[in-house]
Amino acid sequence: MFFQDCVPIFQRHPANPILLPDPTSDWETYNVFNPAVIYRDGLFHMWYRAQGLDWVSRIGYAYSPDGLNWNRFRQPVLAPQDEFENRGVEDPRVVEIEGVFYMTYTAYSSHPHDPDSATHYGGGILPMVARSTNLFTWERLGPLVRGEDNKDHLLFPRRLNGKFAALHRRWPNVWIAYSDDLIHWPEELMAPIYGPRAENHWESQSVGNNGIPIETPHGWLVLNHAYGPDHVYNIGVILLDLEDPTRVINRPARPVFGPRELWELRGDIPNVVFSCANPVVDDTVYLFYGGGDHVIGLATCKLNDLIDYARFG
């Protein structure tokens, strides 16, 4: 097994893991992982993926004053509702845009959707978008695309050139998409941005998006995940142009975070650190991540340190 030497920017919190499965619950019995987190009104708000007795993923909600001690709702806030989600709702990312909260999540189905319209491959994995005004009840707007296995999608925190913008993954590459209403995503407004790099073992097979892009004076700071032939998940960083994110300003060769702790090396899926959240609070980046697809951890770094590595690494 090959473990990549990471740039030591992020520091794990000594209280890790910060959220564990609940054996008294039927829907989050076995695994809690891959959370979305935003910071608002003095609280961290978390939406996390959970698996219980039926192994179907649901999304739970918890809040915390410090990012460490969490109060969670007893019931999920998003659960499968139809055949397009019958195997689970997964890996949420949440962002506030113009006073409204939007969640992107993966709908997992046991059968393909619209196979005749597939543009790439598959179709049982839909990249969904939902919205909320209160953080708890979510209205489904629909998928970004249909007829292909597309996931790891997220929204930029503001409009770009007057349009909503999203990153999504048409394997093996990360793409951008634009929309006027978050419902219609014209194919002609989609374009690839970057993909795996064969010269770097840790990201030579697959890449995908992590948390919401961080706007800086130097570009969009985007954390991503990747793996090589042995499926060890690491987290890297990339800097994209503010107004044209198809232009990659810099993409450092080494990752900034990888599996090291026992609960990251083992779990439901071994050798995995996977993040859907990187909120910035008081110039500190909070990296909330799933370890081994089993528990949730926290690592932090100074925003300027991450920017410097994204620019010059």
C-alpha atoms as a PDB file:
ATOM      1  CA  MET A   1       0.000   0.000   0.000  1.00  0.00           C
ATOM      2  CA  PHE A   2       1.375   3.397  -1.033  1.00  0.00           C
ATOM      3  CA  PHE A   3       0.796   6.353   1.316  1.00  0.00           C
ATOM      4  CA  GLN A   4       1.561   9.767  -0.093  1.00  0.00           C
ATOM      5  CA  ASP A   5       3.708  12.235   1.822  1.00  0.00           C
ATOM      6  CA  CYS A   6       1.378  15.204   2.451  1.00  0.00           C
ATOM      7  CA  VAL A   7       2.293  18.851   2.909  1.00  0.00           C
ATOM      8  CA  PRO A   8       1.729  19.419   6.674  1.00  0.00           C
ATOM      9  CA  ILE A   9      -0.759  22.272   6.461  1.00  0.00           C
ATOM     10  CA  PHE A  10      -3.777  20.776   8.244  1.00  0.00           C
ATOM     11  CA  GLN A  11      -3.628  19.675  11.877  1.00  0.00           C
ATOM     12  CA  ARG A  12      -6.030  17.058  13.220  1.00  0.00           C
ATOM     13  CA  HIS A  13      -7.966  18.039  16.311  1.00  0.00           C
ATOM     14  CA  PRO A  14      -6.995  15.988  19.394  1.00  0.00           C
ATOM     15  CA  ALA A  15     -10.689  15.344  20.133  1.00  0.00           C
ATOM     16  CA  ASN A  16     -11.098  13.305  16.934  1.00  0.00           C
ATOM     17  CA  PRO A  17     -13.272  11.651  15.880  1.00  0.00           C
ATOM     18  CA  ILE A  18     -15.886  14.280  16.636  1.00  0.00           C
ATOM     19  CA  LEU A  19     -19.031  12.352  15.597  1.00  0.00           C
ATOM     20  CA  LEU A  20     -19.685   8.613  15.930  1.00  0.00           C
ATOM     21  CA  PRO A  21     -22.519   6.306  14.871  1.00  0.00           C
ATOM     22  CA  ASP A  22     -25.417   5.984  17.289  1.00  0.00           C
ATOM     23  CA  PRO A  23     -26.115   2.327  18.123  1.00  0.00           C
ATOM     24  CA  THR A  24     -29.504   3.279  19.597  1.00  0.00           C
ATOM     25  CA  SER A  25     -30.699   4.633  16.248  1.00  0.00           C
ATOM     26  CA  ASP A  26     -31.998   2.515  13.406  1.00  0.00           C
ATOM     27  CA  TRP A  27     -30.876   4.932  10.638  1.00  0.00           C
ATOM     28  CA  GLU A  28     -27.374   5.954  11.858  1.00  0.00           C
ATOM     29  CA  THR A  29     -26.364   2.704  13.529  1.00  0.00           C
ATOM     30  CA  TYR A  30     -23.248   1.842  11.558  1.00  0.00           C
ATOM     31  CA  ASN A  31     -21.713   4.858   9.831  1.00  0.00           C
ATOM     32  CA  VAL A  32     -21.768   8.671   9.976  1.00  0.00           C
ATOM     33  CA  PHE A  33     -19.511  10.401   7.468  1.00  0.00           C
ATOM     34  CA  ASN A  34     -18.957  12.937   4.668  1.00  0.00           C
ATOM     35  CA  PRO A  35     -20.699  15.952   6.238  1.00  0.00           C
ATOM     36  CA  ALA A  36     -21.584  19.357   4.847  1.00  0.00           C
ATOM     37  CA  VAL A  37     -20.948  22.170   7.343  1.00  0.00           C
ATOM     38  CA  ILE A  38     -21.597  25.910   7.305  1.00  0.00           C
ATOM     39  CA  TYR A  39     -21.015  28.490  10.032  1.00  0.00           C
ATOM     40  CA  ARG A  40     -23.865  30.913  10.668  1.00  0.00           C
ATOM     41  CA  ASP A  41     -25.127  32.977  13.625  1.00  0.00           C
ATOM     42  CA  GLY A  42     -22.405  31.685  15.914  1.00  0.00           C
ATOM     43  CA  LEU A  43     -23.099  28.008  15.257  1.00  0.00           C
ATOM     44  CA  PHE A  44     -21.684  25.283  13.075  1.00  0.00           C
ATOM     45  CA  HIS A  45     -24.501  23.548  11.176  1.00  0.00           C
ATOM     46  CA  MET A  46     -23.800  20.035   9.924  1.00  0.00           C
ATOM     47  CA  TRP A  47     -25.609  17.756   7.487  1.00  0.00           C
ATOM     48  CA  TYR A  48     -24.050  14.300   7.530  1.00  0.00           C
ATOM     49  CA  ARG A  49     -24.504  11.065   5.663  1.00  0.00           C
ATOM     50  CA  ALA A  50     -25.579   8.137   7.843  1.00  0.00           C
ATOM     51  CA  GLN A  51     -26.195   4.425   7.337  1.00  0.00           C
ATOM     52  CA  GLY A  52     -28.293   2.274   9.621  1.00  0.00           C
ATOM     53  CA  LEU A  53     -29.835  -1.142   9.793  1.00  0.00           C
ATOM     54  CA  ASP A  54     -30.939  -1.189   6.143  1.00  0.00           C
ATOM     55  CA  TRP A  55     -27.602   0.240   4.870  1.00  0.00           C
ATOM     56  CA  VAL A  56     -29.500   2.959   2.984  1.00  0.00           C
ATOM     57  CA  SER A  57     -27.910   6.410   3.301  1.00  0.00           C
ATOM     58  CA  ARG A  58     -29.881   9.250   4.850  1.00  0.00           C
ATOM     59  CA  ILE A  59     -28.841  12.777   5.787  1.00  0.00           C
ATOM     60  CA  GLY A  60     -28.940  13.893   9.403  1.00  0.00           C
ATOM     61  CA  TYR A  61     -28.580  17.342  10.951  1.00  0.00           C
ATOM     62  CA  ALA A  62     -26.540  18.502  13.955  1.00  0.00           C
ATOM     63  CA  TYR A  63     -25.380  21.850  15.348  1.00  0.00           C
ATOM     64  CA  SER A  64     -22.459  22.895  17.520  1.00  0.00           C
ATOM     65  CA  PRO A  65     -21.091  26.095  19.091  1.00  0.00           C
ATOM     66  CA  ASP A  66     -17.463  24.972  18.684  1.00  0.00           C
ATOM     67  CA  GLY A  67     -17.351  22.375  15.886  1.00  0.00           C
ATOM     68  CA  LEU A  68     -16.541  19.640  18.399  1.00  0.00           C
ATOM     69  CA  ASN A  69     -19.594  19.011  20.587  1.00  0.00           C
ATOM     70  CA  TRP A  70     -22.678  18.275  18.515  1.00  0.00           C
ATOM     71  CA  ASN A  71     -26.408  18.162  19.187  1.00  0.00           C
ATOM     72  CA  ARG A  72     -28.144  16.081  16.556  1.00  0.00           C
ATOM     73  CA  PHE A  73     -31.746  15.658  15.517  1.00  0.00           C
ATOM     74  CA  ARG A  74     -33.221  12.260  16.249  1.00  0.00           C
ATOM     75  CA  GLN A  75     -34.617  11.894  12.728  1.00  0.00           C
ATOM     76  CA  PRO A  76     -32.986  12.568   9.347  1.00  0.00           C
ATOM     77  CA  VAL A  77     -33.742  15.806   7.520  1.00  0.00           C
ATOM     78  CA  LEU A  78     -33.443  14.170   4.096  1.00  0.00           C
ATOM     79  CA  ALA A  79     -34.323  10.563   3.278  1.00  0.00           C
ATOM     80  CA  PRO A  80     -35.056   8.649   0.072  1.00  0.00           C
ATOM     81  CA  GLN A  81     -38.496   9.492  -1.275  1.00  0.00           C
ATOM     82  CA  ASP A  82     -38.794   7.669  -4.619  1.00  0.00           C
ATOM     83  CA  GLU A  83     -37.245   5.073  -6.904  1.00  0.00           C
ATOM     84  CA  PHE A  84     -34.521   7.499  -7.976  1.00  0.00           C
ATOM     85  CA  GLU A  85     -33.214   7.532  -4.395  1.00  0.00           C
ATOM     86  CA  ASN A  86     -34.078   4.015  -3.286  1.00  0.00           C
ATOM     87  CA  ARG A  87     -30.485   3.134  -2.416  1.00  0.00           C
ATOM     88  CA  GLY A  88     -29.761   6.350  -0.575  1.00  0.00           C
ATOM     89  CA  VAL A  89     -29.138  10.101  -0.479  1.00  0.00           C
ATOM     90  CA  GLU A  90     -25.421  10.745  -0.090  1.00  0.00           C
ATOM     91  CA  ASP A  91     -22.554  13.217   0.394  1.00  0.00           C
ATOM     92  CA  PRO A  92     -24.289  16.594   0.892  1.00  0.00           C
ATOM     93  CA  ARG A  93     -22.690  19.983   0.266  1.00  0.00           C
ATOM     94  CA  VAL A  94     -24.532  23.057   1.544  1.00  0.00           C
ATOM     95  CA  VAL A  95     -24.065  26.714   0.606  1.00  0.00           C
ATOM     96  CA  GLU A  96     -25.977  29.954   1.182  1.00  0.00           C
ATOM     97  CA  ILE A  97     -26.581  32.030  -1.951  1.00  0.00           C
ATOM     98  CA  GLU A  98     -28.523  35.285  -1.828  1.00  0.00           C
ATOM     99  CA  GLY A  99     -30.184  34.354   1.462  1.00  0.00           C
ATOM    100  CA  VAL A 100     -31.283  30.860   0.420  1.00  0.00           C
ATOM    101  CA  PHE A 101     -29.623  27.585   1.398  1.00  0.00           C
ATOM    102  CA  TYR A 102     -28.877  25.030  -1.298  1.00  0.00           C
ATOM    103  CA  MET A 103     -27.873  21.427  -0.847  1.00  0.00           C
ATOM    104  CA  THR A 104     -26.282  19.332  -3.537  1.00  0.00           C
ATOM    105  CA  TYR A 105     -26.427  15.613  -2.858  1.00  0.00           C
ATOM    106  CA  THR A 106     -26.129  12.323  -4.700  1.00  0.00           C
ATOM    107  CA  ALA A 107     -29.255  10.269  -5.332  1.00  0.00           C
ATOM    108  CA  TYR A 108     -28.387   6.590  -5.590  1.00  0.00           C
ATOM    109  CA  SER A 109     -30.772   4.243  -7.394  1.00  0.00           C
ATOM    110  CA  SER A 110     -30.816   0.541  -8.154  1.00  0.00           C
ATOM    111  CA  HIS A 111     -31.591   1.162 -11.821  1.00  0.00           C
ATOM    112  CA  PRO A 112     -30.526   3.694 -14.478  1.00  0.00           C
ATOM    113  CA  HIS A 113     -32.540   6.803 -15.326  1.00  0.00           C
ATOM    114  CA  ASP A 114     -33.372   7.760 -18.895  1.00  0.00           C
ATOM    115  CA  PRO A 115     -30.865   5.290 -20.408  1.00  0.00           C
ATOM    116  CA  ASP A 116     -31.705   6.449 -23.937  1.00  0.00           C
ATOM    117  CA  SER A 117     -30.475   9.967 -23.127  1.00  0.00           C
ATOM    118  CA  ALA A 118     -27.210   8.954 -21.455  1.00  0.00           C
ATOM    119  CA  THR A 119     -24.356  11.152 -22.613  1.00  0.00           C
ATOM    120  CA  HIS A 120     -21.536   9.352 -20.824  1.00  0.00           C
ATOM    121  CA  TYR A 121     -22.198   6.103 -18.957  1.00  0.00           C
ATOM    122  CA  GLY A 122     -24.370   4.589 -16.255  1.00  0.00           C
ATOM    123  CA  GLY A 123     -27.299   6.591 -14.993  1.00  0.00           C
ATOM    124  CA  GLY A 124     -28.141   5.195 -11.545  1.00  0.00           C
ATOM    125  CA  ILE A 125     -26.364   8.077  -9.780  1.00  0.00           C
ATOM    126  CA  LEU A 126     -28.026  11.492 -10.011  1.00  0.00           C
ATOM    127  CA  PRO A 127     -26.446  14.820  -8.941  1.00  0.00           C
ATOM    128  CA  MET A 128     -29.391  16.456  -7.162  1.00  0.00           C
ATOM    129  CA  VAL A 129     -30.026  20.042  -6.030  1.00  0.00           C
ATOM    130  CA  ALA A 130     -32.376  21.031  -3.175  1.00  0.00           C
ATOM    131  CA  ARG A 131     -33.137  24.307  -1.407  1.00  0.00           C
ATOM    132  CA  SER A 132     -34.230  25.456   2.034  1.00  0.00           C
ATOM    133  CA  THR A 133     -34.979  28.661   3.897  1.00  0.00           C
ATOM    134  CA  ASN A 134     -34.705  27.172   7.394  1.00  0.00           C
ATOM    135  CA  LEU A 135     -31.872  24.574   7.192  1.00  0.00           C
ATOM    136  CA  PHE A 136     -34.190  21.677   8.064  1.00  0.00           C
ATOM    137  CA  THR A 137     -36.829  21.212   5.352  1.00  0.00           C
ATOM    138  CA  TRP A 138     -35.543  20.738   1.814  1.00  0.00           C
ATOM    139  CA  GLU A 139     -37.340  21.146  -1.498  1.00  0.00           C
ATOM    140  CA  ARG A 140     -35.894  19.088  -4.311  1.00  0.00           C
ATOM    141  CA  LEU A 141     -35.270  21.109  -7.480  1.00  0.00           C
ATOM    142  CA  GLY A 142     -34.025  18.204  -9.574  1.00  0.00           C
ATOM    143  CA  PRO A 143     -30.790  16.831 -11.005  1.00  0.00           C
ATOM    144  CA  LEU A 144     -27.991  18.736 -12.663  1.00  0.00           C
ATOM    145  CA  VAL A 145     -27.892  16.079 -15.398  1.00  0.00           C
ATOM    146  CA  ARG A 146     -29.722  12.843 -16.132  1.00  0.00           C
ATOM    147  CA  GLY A 147     -28.740   9.620 -17.800  1.00  0.00           C
ATOM    148  CA  GLU A 148     -25.160   9.402 -16.527  1.00  0.00           C
ATOM    149  CA  ASP A 149     -23.320   8.528 -13.343  1.00  0.00           C
ATOM    150  CA  ASN A 150     -22.431  12.026 -12.200  1.00  0.00           C
ATOM    151  CA  LYS A 151     -21.624  13.102  -8.631  1.00  0.00           C
ATOM    152  CA  ASP A 152     -19.258  15.147  -6.395  1.00  0.00           C
ATOM    153  CA  HIS A 153     -21.146  18.265  -7.460  1.00  0.00           C
ATOM    154  CA  LEU A 154     -21.314  21.556  -5.586  1.00  0.00           C
ATOM    155  CA  LEU A 155     -22.365  25.155  -6.072  1.00  0.00           C
ATOM    156  CA  PHE A 156     -20.173  28.229  -6.035  1.00  0.00           C
ATOM    157  CA  PRO A 157     -21.196  30.644  -3.243  1.00  0.00           C
ATOM    158  CA  ARG A 158     -22.152  33.407  -5.692  1.00  0.00           C
ATOM    159  CA  ARG A 159     -23.233  33.836  -9.278  1.00  0.00           C
ATOM    160  CA  LEU A 160     -20.532  33.983 -11.937  1.00  0.00           C
ATOM    161  CA  ASN A 161     -21.265  36.333 -14.823  1.00  0.00           C
ATOM    162  CA  GLY A 162     -24.898  36.458 -13.749  1.00  0.00           C
ATOM    163  CA  LYS A 163     -25.420  32.690 -13.571  1.00  0.00           C
ATOM    164  CA  PHE A 164     -25.377  30.037 -10.893  1.00  0.00           C
ATOM    165  CA  ALA A 165     -22.271  27.902 -11.305  1.00  0.00           C
ATOM    166  CA  ALA A 166     -21.528  24.330 -10.263  1.00  0.00           C
ATOM    167  CA  LEU A 167     -18.631  21.941 -10.333  1.00  0.00           C
ATOM    168  CA  HIS A 168     -19.535  18.346 -11.109  1.00  0.00           C
ATOM    169  CA  ARG A 169     -17.734  15.176 -12.087  1.00  0.00           C
ATOM    170  CA  ARG A 170     -18.059  13.383 -15.368  1.00  0.00           C
ATOM    171  CA  TRP A 171     -15.607  10.698 -14.554  1.00  0.00           C
ATOM    172  CA  PRO A 172     -12.690  10.953 -14.720  1.00  0.00           C
ATOM    173  CA  ASN A 173     -12.753  14.755 -15.077  1.00  0.00           C
ATOM    174  CA  VAL A 174     -14.143  17.677 -13.090  1.00  0.00           C
ATOM    175  CA  TRP A 175     -16.457  19.897 -15.138  1.00  0.00           C
ATOM    176  CA  ILE A 176     -18.204  23.221 -14.706  1.00  0.00           C
ATOM    177  CA  ALA A 177     -21.879  23.931 -15.435  1.00  0.00           C
ATOM    178  CA  TYR A 178     -24.016  27.091 -15.443  1.00  0.00           C
ATOM    179  CA  SER A 179     -27.706  27.733 -14.868  1.00  0.00           C
ATOM    180  CA  ASP A 180     -30.142  30.637 -14.690  1.00  0.00           C
ATOM    181  CA  ASP A 181     -32.512  28.889 -12.276  1.00  0.00           C
ATOM    182  CA  LEU A 182     -30.698  25.852 -10.737  1.00  0.00           C
ATOM    183  CA  ILE A 183     -33.123  23.604 -12.618  1.00  0.00           C
ATOM    184  CA  HIS A 184     -31.942  23.816 -16.223  1.00  0.00           C
ATOM    185  CA  TRP A 185     -28.221  23.254 -16.885  1.00  0.00           C
ATOM    186  CA  PRO A 186     -27.593  23.627 -20.632  1.00  0.00           C
ATOM    187  CA  GLU A 187     -25.064  21.182 -22.024  1.00  0.00           C
ATOM    188  CA  GLU A 188     -23.527  23.908 -24.171  1.00  0.00           C
ATOM    189  CA  LEU A 189     -22.558  25.788 -20.991  1.00  0.00           C
ATOM    190  CA  MET A 190     -20.611  22.826 -19.586  1.00  0.00           C
ATOM    191  CA  ALA A 191     -16.859  22.338 -19.960  1.00  0.00           C
ATOM    192  CA  PRO A 192     -14.131  20.135 -18.461  1.00  0.00           C
ATOM    193  CA  ILE A 193     -11.576  21.748 -16.137  1.00  0.00           C
ATOM    194  CA  TYR A 194      -9.095  19.116 -15.008  1.00  0.00           C
ATOM    195  CA  GLY A 195      -8.648  15.399 -14.476  1.00  0.00           C
ATOM    196  CA  PRO A 196      -6.281  12.781 -13.040  1.00  0.00           C
ATOM    197  CA  ARG A 197      -2.531  13.245 -13.496  1.00  0.00           C
ATOM    198  CA  ALA A 198      -0.671  10.051 -14.354  1.00  0.00           C
ATOM    199  CA  GLU A 199       2.635  11.443 -13.109  1.00  0.00           C
ATOM    200  CA  ASN A 200       1.299  11.719  -9.531  1.00  0.00           C
ATOM    201  CA  HIS A 201       0.511   8.324  -8.039  1.00  0.00           C
ATOM    202  CA  TRP A 202      -1.976   9.648  -5.467  1.00  0.00           C
ATOM    203  CA  GLU A 203      -4.243  11.292  -8.101  1.00  0.00           C
ATOM    204  CA  SER A 204      -3.561   9.132 -11.136  1.00  0.00           C
ATOM    205  CA  GLN A 205      -6.929   7.312 -11.272  1.00  0.00           C
ATOM    206  CA  SER A 206      -9.735   9.612 -10.163  1.00  0.00           C
ATOM    207  CA  VAL A 207     -10.380  13.140  -8.902  1.00  0.00           C
ATOM    208  CA  GLY A 208     -13.462  14.831  -7.461  1.00  0.00           C
ATOM    209  CA  ASN A 209     -14.711  17.908  -5.638  1.00  0.00           C
ATOM    210  CA  ASN A 210     -14.778  18.410  -1.877  1.00  0.00           C
ATOM    211  CA  GLY A 211     -16.320  21.436  -0.122  1.00  0.00           C
ATOM    212  CA  ILE A 212     -17.653  24.777  -1.347  1.00  0.00           C
ATOM    213  CA  PRO A 213     -14.986  26.854  -3.179  1.00  0.00           C
ATOM    214  CA  ILE A 214     -13.403  29.561  -1.031  1.00  0.00           C
ATOM    215  CA  GLU A 215     -13.230  32.977  -2.688  1.00  0.00           C
ATOM    216  CA  THR A 216      -9.872  34.720  -2.225  1.00  0.00           C
ATOM    217  CA  PRO A 217      -8.230  37.715  -3.961  1.00  0.00           C
ATOM    218  CA  HIS A 218      -6.024  35.221  -5.798  1.00  0.00           C
ATOM    219  CA  GLY A 219      -8.740  32.917  -7.121  1.00  0.00           C
ATOM    220  CA  TRP A 220     -11.157  30.208  -6.057  1.00  0.00           C
ATOM    221  CA  LEU A 221      -9.486  27.950  -3.523  1.00  0.00           C
ATOM    222  CA  VAL A 222     -10.869  24.465  -4.186  1.00  0.00           C
ATOM    223  CA  LEU A 223     -10.112  21.377  -2.124  1.00  0.00           C
ATOM    224  CA  ASN A 224     -10.439  18.115  -4.004  1.00  0.00           C
ATOM    225  CA  HIS A 225     -10.017  14.402  -3.388  1.00  0.00           C
ATOM    226  CA  ALA A 226      -8.208  11.835  -5.469  1.00  0.00           C
ATOM    227  CA  TYR A 227      -6.907   8.288  -5.480  1.00  0.00           C
ATOM    228  CA  GLY A 228      -4.423   6.152  -7.371  1.00  0.00           C
ATOM    229  CA  PRO A 229      -4.287   2.436  -8.252  1.00  0.00           C
ATOM    230  CA  ASP A 230      -4.499   1.322  -4.610  1.00  0.00           C
ATOM    231  CA  HIS A 231      -7.553   3.510  -3.824  1.00  0.00           C
ATOM    232  CA  VAL A 232      -5.964   5.514  -1.017  1.00  0.00           C
ATOM    233  CA  TYR A 233      -7.956   8.754  -0.792  1.00  0.00           C
ATOM    234  CA  ASN A 234      -5.991  11.986  -0.299  1.00  0.00           C
ATOM    235  CA  ILE A 235      -7.065  15.635  -0.372  1.00  0.00           C
ATOM    236  CA  GLY A 236      -5.397  18.192  -2.625  1.00  0.00           C
ATOM    237  CA  VAL A 237      -5.894  21.837  -3.473  1.00  0.00           C
ATOM    238  CA  ILE A 238      -6.287  23.733  -6.727  1.00  0.00           C
ATOM    239  CA  LEU A 239      -6.610  27.452  -7.535  1.00  0.00           C
ATOM    240  CA  LEU A 240      -9.114  28.510 -10.207  1.00  0.00           C
ATOM    241  CA  ASP A 241      -9.676  31.906 -11.831  1.00  0.00           C
ATOM    242  CA  LEU A 242     -12.397  33.948 -10.122  1.00  0.00           C
ATOM    243  CA  GLU A 243     -14.459  34.754 -13.211  1.00  0.00           C
ATOM    244  CA  ASP A 244     -13.449  31.861 -15.467  1.00  0.00           C
ATOM    245  CA  PRO A 245     -12.990  28.736 -13.325  1.00  0.00           C
ATOM    246  CA  THR A 246     -12.042  26.693 -16.388  1.00  0.00           C
ATOM    247  CA  ARG A 247      -8.682  28.460 -16.120  1.00  0.00           C
ATOM    248  CA  VAL A 248      -6.467  26.649 -13.634  1.00  0.00           C
ATOM    249  CA  ILE A 249      -4.083  29.139 -12.019  1.00  0.00           C
ATOM    250  CA  ASN A 250      -2.090  26.529 -10.116  1.00  0.00           C
ATOM    251  CA  ARG A 251      -2.393  22.898  -9.102  1.00  0.00           C
ATOM    252  CA  PRO A 252       0.262  21.761  -6.604  1.00  0.00           C
ATOM    253  CA  ALA A 253       1.679  18.280  -7.042  1.00  0.00           C
ATOM    254  CA  ARG A 254       1.451  17.112  -3.421  1.00  0.00           C
ATOM    255  CA  PRO A 255      -1.718  16.618  -1.353  1.00  0.00           C
ATOM    256  CA  VAL A 256      -2.417  18.511   1.846  1.00  0.00           C
ATOM    257  CA  PHE A 257      -4.172  15.749   3.794  1.00  0.00           C
ATOM    258  CA  GLY A 258      -4.305  11.956   3.755  1.00  0.00           C
ATOM    259  CA  PRO A 259      -5.294   8.941   5.877  1.00  0.00           C
ATOM    260  CA  ARG A 260      -3.015   8.319   8.854  1.00  0.00           C
ATOM    261  CA  GLU A 261      -5.086   7.527  11.956  1.00  0.00           C
ATOM    262  CA  LEU A 262      -6.332   4.001  12.611  1.00  0.00           C
ATOM    263  CA  TRP A 263      -9.952   5.080  12.154  1.00  0.00           C
ATOM    264  CA  GLU A 264      -9.043   6.525   8.739  1.00  0.00           C
ATOM    265  CA  LEU A 265      -7.029   3.497   7.648  1.00  0.00           C
ATOM    266  CA  ARG A 266      -9.768   1.091   8.706  1.00  0.00           C
ATOM    267  CA  GLY A 267     -13.522   1.401   8.593  1.00  0.00           C
ATOM    268  CA  ASP A 268     -16.373   0.514   6.287  1.00  0.00           C
ATOM    269  CA  ILE A 269     -14.087   1.601   3.431  1.00  0.00           C
ATOM    270  CA  PRO A 270     -10.376   1.611   4.400  1.00  0.00           C
ATOM    271  CA  ASN A 271      -7.750   4.278   3.639  1.00  0.00           C
ATOM    272  CA  VAL A 272     -10.201   7.140   3.146  1.00  0.00           C
ATOM    273  CA  VAL A 273     -10.363  10.784   4.170  1.00  0.00           C
ATOM    274  CA  PHE A 274     -13.236  12.429   2.295  1.00  0.00           C
ATOM    275  CA  SER A 275     -14.479  15.954   2.883  1.00  0.00           C
ATOM    276  CA  CYS A 276     -17.608  17.807   1.773  1.00  0.00           C
ATOM    277  CA  ALA A 277     -16.990  20.877   3.944  1.00  0.00           C
ATOM    278  CA  ASN A 278     -14.296  23.486   4.443  1.00  0.00           C
ATOM    279  CA  PRO A 279     -15.927  26.562   6.049  1.00  0.00           C
ATOM    280  CA  VAL A 280     -13.680  29.479   7.009  1.00  0.00           C
ATOM    281  CA  VAL A 281     -14.175  31.008  10.459  1.00  0.00           C
ATOM    282  CA  ASP A 282     -11.873  33.775  11.740  1.00  0.00           C
ATOM    283  CA  ASP A 283      -9.263  33.052   9.045  1.00  0.00           C
ATOM    284  CA  THR A 284      -9.177  29.361   9.954  1.00  0.00           C
ATOM    285  CA  VAL A 285     -10.222  26.633   7.504  1.00  0.00           C
ATOM    286  CA  TYR A 286     -12.250  23.901   9.190  1.00  0.00           C
ATOM    287  CA  LEU A 287     -11.899  20.650   7.255  1.00  0.00           C
ATOM    288  CA  PHE A 288     -14.686  18.315   8.343  1.00  0.00           C
ATOM    289  CA  TYR A 289     -14.212  14.875   6.832  1.00  0.00           C
ATOM    290  CA  GLY A 290     -15.306  11.271   6.876  1.00  0.00           C
ATOM    291  CA  GLY A 291     -12.708   8.778   8.079  1.00  0.00           C
ATOM    292  CA  GLY A 292     -12.948   5.277   6.622  1.00  0.00           C
ATOM    293  CA  ASP A 293     -16.579   5.974   5.641  1.00  0.00           C
ATOM    294  CA  HIS A 294     -17.364   5.337   9.309  1.00  0.00           C
ATOM    295  CA  VAL A 295     -16.845   8.400  11.563  1.00  0.00           C
ATOM    296  CA  ILE A 296     -16.329  12.171  11.236  1.00  0.00           C
ATOM    297  CA  GLY A 297     -13.116  14.036  12.002  1.00  0.00           C
ATOM    298  CA  LEU A 298     -11.906  17.633  12.020  1.00  0.00           C
ATOM    299  CA  ALA A 299      -8.633  19.196  10.891  1.00  0.00           C
ATOM    300  CA  THR A 300      -7.821  22.906  10.699  1.00  0.00           C
ATOM    301  CA  CYS A 301      -5.300  25.246   9.121  1.00  0.00           C
ATOM    302  CA  LYS A 302      -4.736  28.950   8.654  1.00  0.00           C
ATOM    303  CA  LEU A 303      -6.358  30.265   5.493  1.00  0.00           C
ATOM    304  CA  ASN A 304      -3.225  32.150   4.443  1.00  0.00           C
ATOM    305  CA  ASP A 305      -1.119  28.989   4.702  1.00  0.00           C
ATOM    306  CA  LEU A 306      -3.481  27.154   2.378  1.00  0.00           C
ATOM    307  CA  ILE A 307      -3.590  30.086  -0.058  1.00  0.00           C
ATOM    308  CA  ASP A 308       0.188  30.281  -0.157  1.00  0.00           C
ATOM    309  CA  TYR A 309       0.526  26.587  -0.972  1.00  0.00           C
ATOM    310  CA  ALA A 310      -2.233  26.792  -3.610  1.00  0.00           C
ATOM    311  CA  ARG A 311      -0.408  29.717  -5.256  1.00  0.00           C
ATOM    312  CA  PHE A 312       3.205  28.614  -5.022  1.00  0.00           C
ATOM    313  CA  GLY A 313       3.208  24.888  -4.234  1.00  0.00           C
END
